[in-house]
Amino acid sequence: MKASKKVIFITGPTSSGKSSFVHRLIDNHFMNASVLSVDSVQVYQHLNIGSAKPTVHEIEKYNYEMINIVSPLTDFNAKDFINMLPSIIDNMNEPIFAVGGTGLYIDAIKHGIFDEESDNGEARNALTEKLAKEGLSSLYDELCTVDPESASSIDRFNSRRVVRALEVYYKTGIKFSDIKKMRKKTVEIDYIEYSIMPNRETLYNNIDAKVISMFDTGLLNEVRTLAEMGVTPEHSSMQAIGYKECYEYLFNNNTNITKDDLISSIQKRTRQYAKRQLTWFKKYSNNSISIEDDDDNSIVDIIHSFMKNK
């Protein structure tokens, strides 16, 4: 029987310093390691700036996988990610650092994913029509009523996920949050997990600075290029925070918001997302670490011990 792969999850909210921390560990202690990106936006080609994707040099140096694996014109979800994972992870060097903040993907790797088919029929059509007539807030309020657990973990501005959760409920009569607990595991791993949890003030300052940096390095031009490729807000890639707002600003700016307003809006939405991530990781991760200094000895010792245990 093939031994389970050894995986070290380094999780945490956006802008908490996960990638730089792992790069430091590899540089100083684990030269032959590889990195599994657990990020629902970095899977897409051409979404570089807004996803804070590692550079081409970093992807090669640190042996990243699950980055740039799909066109932004292709819908991609956690089930697709998990279905691709076994063949990828089998060929990765250990230790494998699984780095990211997409809680749904992290959870699916550790515990599996529910196996059901999308309806794309009456329920989906009715919800899509209701979305057009009544707006997303109405559907989100509906989700809060029928499945508050799912509503608490879903971005209220992500129409695809809100519609999906309602679709599953009306199709099966079972809450989406309950169906997700009916797991089918597709990859066998042995893992430990650490979450980087900065204090909220530091985290929010990091977020605000990162959003400004994204605009300084060409986020609007990146979105223009994606639009020229045919990517629209209807594609799942454009649902990511920052991309959707920039698209609306560039092509549907009926309210004449300014660039400063746009930046402030993205900063606010990212802080809201980070707050939800903090809640998620506090609930599901047993270990938190600080990366305020360069003393990595304790976690390095734990990883070495973990790797020795068969």
Foldseek 3Di string as FASTA:
>chain_A
DDDFAEEEEEEAAPLLCQVVVVVLCCVPPNVQAAEEEQEPQQLEPLQDLLRVDDDPVCCVRRVYPSGNNDYLQDADDLVNVQVPPAVVRVPGDPPYYYYYLPLVNVCCQVFAWFDDDQDPPDLLVVLVVCCVVPNLVVLLVVCCVPPVVQSLLDDSQQSVSSSRQSRVCVVPVDGPVVSRVNGDHDGGHDYAYEYADDPLVVSLVSLLVSLVVSVVVPLLVSLVVVVVVVNDCVGPSCSDQPNVLSRCVVPVPPVPDDPVVSSVVSSVSSSVNSVSSNVSCVVPHPHYDYPPDDPCVVVSVVSVVSVVPD
